[in-house]
């Protein structure tokens, strides 16, 4: 599908179990974790099944990290009450997750506040193309959301989107023996994607911010042509430190624009119906009753 130009967030939560805490048991778990051998962290070029993770091993893997969050979200409570905020956040979070979840290479999706992030398997350069396209779809999603928000009188939102590729440490962490655990991802790729996300739509920057390594591995020319270099802010520097764009998915964007046109056409049609319904009837000289009512009598009835 073509596209065209126009702090870490991987936190999640699990339910508690109420198991009593023991300092002795805590010390045993700490020692077991610290005494684990370094050889338990295997180097891989792919993301393995999470079933292979234990509390004593981990995997260094190749992956891409994609982040999106809302700019100026702390100011939204100044404009809307809690009920409206809940609607805005639910709509935004639901559909950001839907965009990421559709991708077969997406291995994990995380939500933390208004930040949504995904970890993607990237065995080939085509997978990098696909992940970049998801960034463009997230950017297009904002057009849909803001259109619907505007119809309700809600404030439009702006987001930053960050994308990077590299190595990450994949771990299982939590409370051993209590079924309270999560997979966590650590490494520069996660931190960089999060930082790029924070730069999007800020201080004149475009919404989508990507690393140089992502740009170097994109294969599609129609994607690459959308990317504009970002130079080191040092005076007269020619060093490229990243790329940015305002790309959208054409098919998705065309559908949204068509719905907008359909909505406007319906408004115009409804307005025309109302105008015709309440307009005064046209005068008709052949209407005898109307003529009789409009005539001025020349004599009184008793004359």
Protein backbone atom coordinates (compact mmCIF):
# COMPACT_ATOMS: atom_id res chain seq x y z
CA UNK A 1 0.00 0.00 0.00
CA UNK A 2 1.54 3.36 -0.99
CA UNK A 3 2.07 6.28 1.34
CA UNK A 4 2.45 9.96 0.66
CA UNK A 5 3.72 13.05 2.45
CA UNK A 6 1.28 15.65 3.42
CA UNK A 7 11.01 8.65 28.55
CA UNK A 8 10.16 4.89 27.80
CA UNK A 9 6.54 3.85 27.49
CA UNK A 10 6.68 0.07 27.79
CA UNK A 11 5.02 -0.01 31.22
CA UNK A 12 2.08 -2.35 31.79
CA UNK A 13 0.12 -3.54 34.78
CA UNK A 14 -0.97 -6.92 36.16
CA UNK A 15 -3.37 -7.90 38.92
CA UNK A 16 -1.99 -8.59 42.38
CA UNK A 17 -2.39 -11.90 44.23
CA UNK A 18 -2.09 -10.86 47.88
CA UNK A 19 0.70 -13.34 48.73
CA UNK A 20 2.35 -12.43 52.05
CA UNK A 21 5.81 -10.86 51.78
CA UNK A 22 8.81 -12.53 53.45
CA UNK A 23 12.17 -10.79 53.73
CA UNK A 24 13.91 -14.17 53.75
CA UNK A 25 12.15 -15.25 50.59
CA UNK A 26 12.93 -11.87 49.06
CA UNK A 27 16.64 -12.29 49.82
CA UNK A 28 16.65 -15.75 48.26
CA UNK A 29 15.11 -14.44 45.04
CA UNK A 30 17.58 -11.54 44.88
CA UNK A 31 20.56 -13.88 45.30
CA UNK A 32 19.21 -16.30 42.71
CA UNK A 33 18.84 -13.48 40.21
CA UNK A 34 22.26 -11.97 40.85
CA UNK A 35 24.05 -15.34 40.77
CA UNK A 36 22.68 -16.27 37.33
CA UNK A 37 25.41 -16.75 34.74
CA UNK A 38 25.93 -14.28 31.91
CA UNK A 39 25.78 -17.11 29.38
CA UNK A 40 22.04 -17.33 29.95
CA UNK A 41 21.58 -14.25 27.75
CA UNK A 42 21.56 -15.62 24.23
CA UNK A 43 22.34 -13.54 21.12
CA UNK A 44 19.72 -13.92 18.38
CA UNK A 45 18.84 -12.07 15.16
CA UNK A 46 15.12 -12.78 15.63
CA UNK A 47 12.51 -12.53 18.38
CA UNK A 48 11.88 -15.97 19.90
CA UNK A 49 8.67 -17.23 21.41
CA UNK A 50 8.01 -15.76 24.83
CA UNK A 51 7.50 -19.32 26.09
CA UNK A 52 11.30 -19.71 26.03
CA UNK A 53 11.74 -17.00 28.67
CA UNK A 54 12.35 -17.83 32.32
CA UNK A 55 13.32 -15.73 35.32
CA UNK A 56 16.98 -16.61 34.76
CA UNK A 57 17.52 -16.15 31.01
CA UNK A 58 17.03 -13.53 28.32
CA UNK A 59 17.65 -12.82 24.64
CA UNK A 60 19.46 -10.06 22.77
CA UNK A 61 17.41 -9.63 19.60
CA UNK A 62 17.15 -7.48 16.47
CA UNK A 63 13.93 -5.47 16.42
CA UNK A 64 12.29 -2.17 15.58
CA UNK A 65 10.56 -0.01 18.18
CA UNK A 66 7.67 2.32 17.28
CA UNK A 67 6.26 4.91 19.70
CA UNK A 68 3.42 7.43 19.58
CA UNK A 69 2.20 9.85 22.23
CA UNK A 70 0.10 13.02 22.50
CA UNK A 71 1.70 16.47 22.57
CA UNK A 72 0.50 18.70 25.39
CA UNK A 73 -1.81 16.07 26.88
CA UNK A 74 -1.44 17.65 30.35
CA UNK A 75 -3.44 20.66 29.08
CA UNK A 76 -6.45 18.63 27.94
CA UNK A 77 -8.05 18.62 31.44
CA UNK A 78 -8.14 22.42 31.24
CA UNK A 79 -10.53 22.15 28.28
CA UNK A 80 -12.63 19.04 28.90
CA UNK A 81 -14.26 17.30 31.84
CA UNK A 82 -13.30 13.77 32.88
CA UNK A 83 -16.07 12.09 30.89
CA UNK A 84 -14.95 13.74 27.64
CA UNK A 85 -11.29 13.01 28.41
CA UNK A 86 -12.15 9.35 28.89
CA UNK A 87 -13.81 9.27 25.46
CA UNK A 88 -10.86 10.99 23.79
CA UNK A 89 -8.29 8.69 25.37
CA UNK A 90 -10.29 5.53 24.76
CA UNK A 91 -10.78 6.35 21.08
CA UNK A 92 -7.11 7.29 20.63
CA UNK A 93 -5.65 4.32 22.53
CA UNK A 94 -8.01 1.78 21.01
CA UNK A 95 -7.19 2.70 17.43
CA UNK A 96 -3.45 3.15 17.94
CA UNK A 97 -3.36 -0.39 19.30
CA UNK A 98 -5.48 -1.57 16.35
CA UNK A 99 -3.01 -0.08 13.83
CA UNK A 100 -0.04 -1.81 15.48
CA UNK A 101 -1.83 -5.07 16.23
CA UNK A 102 -2.69 -5.72 12.56
CA UNK A 103 0.99 -6.15 11.65
CA UNK A 104 2.10 -9.78 11.73
CA UNK A 105 5.59 -8.67 12.77
CA UNK A 106 4.36 -6.80 15.84
CA UNK A 107 5.33 -8.90 18.86
CA UNK A 108 4.32 -6.68 21.78
CA UNK A 109 2.12 -3.60 22.28
CA UNK A 110 2.38 -1.45 25.40
CA UNK A 111 0.22 1.35 26.80
CA UNK A 112 1.46 3.84 29.36
CA UNK A 113 -0.74 6.90 29.81
CA UNK A 114 -1.16 8.42 26.34
CA UNK A 115 1.91 6.61 24.99
CA UNK A 116 1.45 3.51 22.81
CA UNK A 117 4.47 1.53 21.65
CA UNK A 118 5.16 -1.64 19.71
CA UNK A 119 8.10 -4.01 19.24
CA UNK A 120 8.46 -5.40 15.71
CA UNK A 121 10.37 -8.38 14.34
CA UNK A 122 12.50 -7.17 11.43
CA UNK A 123 14.25 -10.10 9.76
CA UNK A 124 14.33 -8.39 6.34
CA UNK A 125 14.44 -4.87 4.95
CA UNK A 126 10.89 -5.35 3.74
CA UNK A 127 9.94 -5.61 7.41
CA UNK A 128 11.50 -2.18 7.96
CA UNK A 129 9.32 -0.85 5.11
CA UNK A 130 6.26 -2.36 6.77
CA UNK A 131 7.07 -0.83 10.15
CA UNK A 132 7.57 2.60 8.58
CA UNK A 133 4.18 2.24 6.91
CA UNK A 134 2.60 1.59 10.33
CA UNK A 135 4.09 4.91 11.47
CA UNK A 136 2.41 6.58 8.48
CA UNK A 137 -0.89 4.87 9.34
CA UNK A 138 -0.69 6.17 12.91
CA UNK A 139 -0.18 9.65 11.48
CA UNK A 140 -3.22 9.17 9.21
CA UNK A 141 -5.28 7.94 12.15
CA UNK A 142 -4.98 11.38 13.70
CA UNK A 143 -6.86 12.83 10.72
CA UNK A 144 -9.75 10.47 11.45
CA UNK A 145 -9.71 11.09 15.20
CA UNK A 146 -9.54 14.88 14.88
CA UNK A 147 -12.35 14.91 12.33
CA UNK A 148 -14.60 13.00 14.73
CA UNK A 149 -13.41 15.06 17.73
CA UNK A 150 -14.24 18.27 15.86
CA UNK A 151 -17.75 17.02 15.15
CA UNK A 152 -18.28 16.65 18.90
CA UNK A 153 -16.71 20.00 19.72
CA UNK A 154 -13.66 18.36 21.31
CA UNK A 155 -10.10 19.66 21.12
CA UNK A 156 -7.91 18.31 18.32
CA UNK A 157 -4.80 16.41 19.35
CA UNK A 158 -1.27 16.35 17.95
CA UNK A 159 1.13 13.46 18.34
CA UNK A 160 4.79 12.64 17.94
CA UNK A 161 5.82 9.34 16.36
CA UNK A 162 9.29 7.81 16.74
CA UNK A 163 10.84 4.79 14.99
CA UNK A 164 14.24 3.12 15.42
CA UNK A 165 15.91 -0.22 14.73
CA UNK A 166 18.60 -2.03 16.73
CA UNK A 167 19.31 -4.56 19.48
CA UNK A 168 17.18 -5.03 22.57
CA UNK A 169 17.35 -7.29 25.61
CA UNK A 170 14.17 -9.32 25.96
CA UNK A 171 13.48 -10.36 29.57
CA UNK A 172 10.82 -11.94 31.71
CA UNK A 173 10.49 -9.95 34.92
CA UNK A 174 8.13 -10.00 37.86
CA UNK A 175 7.37 -11.86 41.07
CA UNK A 176 8.47 -15.47 40.69
CA UNK A 177 5.87 -17.91 41.98
CA UNK A 178 3.00 -15.44 41.99
CA UNK A 179 2.12 -15.38 38.27
CA UNK A 180 2.82 -11.65 38.24
CA UNK A 181 5.21 -11.09 35.36
CA UNK A 182 5.68 -9.25 32.10
CA UNK A 183 8.07 -9.25 29.16
CA UNK A 184 10.23 -6.14 29.18
CA UNK A 185 12.46 -4.74 26.46
CA UNK A 186 15.67 -2.89 27.29
CA UNK A 187 18.23 -1.21 25.08
CA UNK A 188 19.14 1.81 22.99
CA UNK A 189 16.58 0.97 20.29
CA UNK A 190 13.74 1.40 22.79
CA UNK A 191 15.20 4.54 24.35
CA UNK A 192 15.95 6.13 20.97
CA UNK A 193 12.48 5.44 19.57
CA UNK A 194 10.97 6.99 22.68
CA UNK A 195 13.20 10.08 22.40
CA UNK A 196 12.40 10.47 18.70
CA UNK A 197 8.71 10.26 19.55
CA UNK A 198 9.09 13.12 22.04
CA UNK A 199 10.65 15.30 19.32
CA UNK A 200 7.80 14.79 16.82
CA UNK A 201 5.40 17.71 16.34
CA UNK A 202 7.47 19.87 18.64
CA UNK A 203 9.43 23.07 17.95
CA UNK A 204 8.57 22.99 14.25
CA UNK A 205 9.49 19.35 13.75
CA UNK A 206 7.27 17.05 11.67
CA UNK A 207 5.15 14.34 13.30
CA UNK A 208 7.20 11.28 12.25
CA UNK A 209 10.82 11.12 13.42
CA UNK A 210 13.01 8.19 12.37
CA UNK A 211 16.63 7.20 12.96
CA UNK A 212 19.31 7.16 10.29
CA UNK A 213 19.50 3.36 10.46
CA UNK A 214 15.80 3.11 9.58
CA UNK A 215 16.29 5.43 6.60
CA UNK A 216 19.30 3.42 5.42
CA UNK A 217 17.31 0.17 5.47
CA UNK A 218 14.11 1.37 3.79
CA UNK A 219 14.01 -0.19 0.32
CA UNK A 220 11.06 1.57 -1.30
CA UNK A 221 11.97 4.73 -3.20
CA UNK A 222 8.44 6.13 -2.80
CA UNK A 223 8.98 5.95 0.96
CA UNK A 224 12.50 7.37 0.95
CA UNK A 225 11.52 10.40 -1.11
CA UNK A 226 9.21 11.49 1.72
CA UNK A 227 12.04 11.72 4.25
CA UNK A 228 13.78 14.99 4.98
CA UNK A 229 17.17 15.01 6.76
CA UNK A 230 17.64 16.54 10.19
CA UNK A 231 21.06 18.07 10.70
CA UNK A 232 23.08 18.38 13.86
CA UNK A 233 22.11 21.75 15.38
CA UNK A 234 25.77 22.72 15.66
CA UNK A 235 26.55 25.75 13.50
CA UNK A 236 27.09 24.87 9.81
CA UNK A 237 27.06 21.15 10.64
CA UNK A 238 26.43 18.77 7.75
CA UNK A 239 26.00 15.74 10.01
CA UNK A 240 22.61 14.07 9.53
CA UNK A 241 21.26 12.87 12.88
CA UNK A 242 17.85 11.64 11.73
CA UNK A 243 14.98 12.04 9.29
CA UNK A 244 11.42 13.31 9.51
CA UNK A 245 8.22 13.39 7.47
CA UNK A 246 4.48 13.93 7.57
CA UNK A 247 3.61 10.78 5.61
CA UNK A 248 0.11 9.30 5.51
CA UNK A 249 -1.33 6.09 4.07
CA UNK A 250 -3.03 7.05 0.81
CA UNK A 251 -5.80 4.45 0.89
CA UNK A 252 -6.65 5.22 4.50
CA UNK A 253 -6.45 8.97 3.94
CA UNK A 254 -8.58 8.79 0.78
CA UNK A 255 -11.27 6.88 2.69
CA UNK A 256 -11.33 9.54 5.41
CA UNK A 257 -11.56 12.38 2.88
CA UNK A 258 -14.38 10.59 1.06
CA UNK A 259 -16.32 10.23 4.31
CA UNK A 260 -15.84 13.94 4.95
CA UNK A 261 -17.19 14.76 1.48
CA UNK A 262 -20.14 12.42 2.00
CA UNK A 263 -20.88 14.11 5.32
CA UNK A 264 -20.82 17.56 3.75
CA UNK A 265 -23.07 16.40 0.92
CA UNK A 266 -25.58 15.03 3.43
CA UNK A 267 -25.54 18.33 5.33
CA UNK A 268 -26.22 20.28 2.15
CA UNK A 269 -28.99 17.89 1.14
CA UNK A 270 -30.63 18.08 4.56
CA UNK A 271 -30.39 21.87 4.54
CA UNK A 272 -32.08 21.98 1.13
CA UNK A 273 -34.91 19.75 2.38
CA UNK A 274 -35.48 22.00 5.39
CA UNK A 275 -35.43 25.10 3.22
CA UNK A 276 -38.02 23.68 0.84
CA UNK A 277 -40.18 22.40 3.69
CA UNK A 278 -40.44 25.70 5.55
CA UNK A 279 -40.41 28.10 2.57
CA UNK A 280 -43.71 30.03 1.95
CA UNK A 281 -45.85 28.55 -0.84
CA UNK A 282 -45.51 30.30 -4.20
CA UNK A 283 -48.37 32.52 -5.33
CA UNK A 284 -50.78 30.93 -7.80
CA UNK A 285 -53.20 33.23 -9.64
CA UNK A 286 -55.28 30.26 -10.73
CA UNK A 287 -56.00 29.29 -7.17
CA UNK A 288 -59.59 30.47 -6.70
CA UNK A 289 -59.62 30.18 -2.93
CA UNK A 290 -56.47 32.24 -2.66
CA UNK A 291 -57.94 34.85 -5.00
CA UNK A 292 -61.18 35.08 -3.02
CA UNK A 293 -59.28 35.55 0.27
CA UNK A 294 -57.08 38.22 -1.18
CA UNK A 295 -59.90 40.28 -2.80
CA UNK A 296 -61.04 43.46 -1.05
CA UNK A 297 -64.87 43.60 -0.82
CA UNK A 298 -66.41 46.64 -2.49
CA UNK A 299 -69.77 46.45 -0.67
CA UNK A 300 -71.03 45.32 2.70
CA UNK A 301 -73.00 42.09 2.70
CA UNK A 302 -76.24 43.79 3.67
CA UNK A 303 -76.14 46.24 0.79
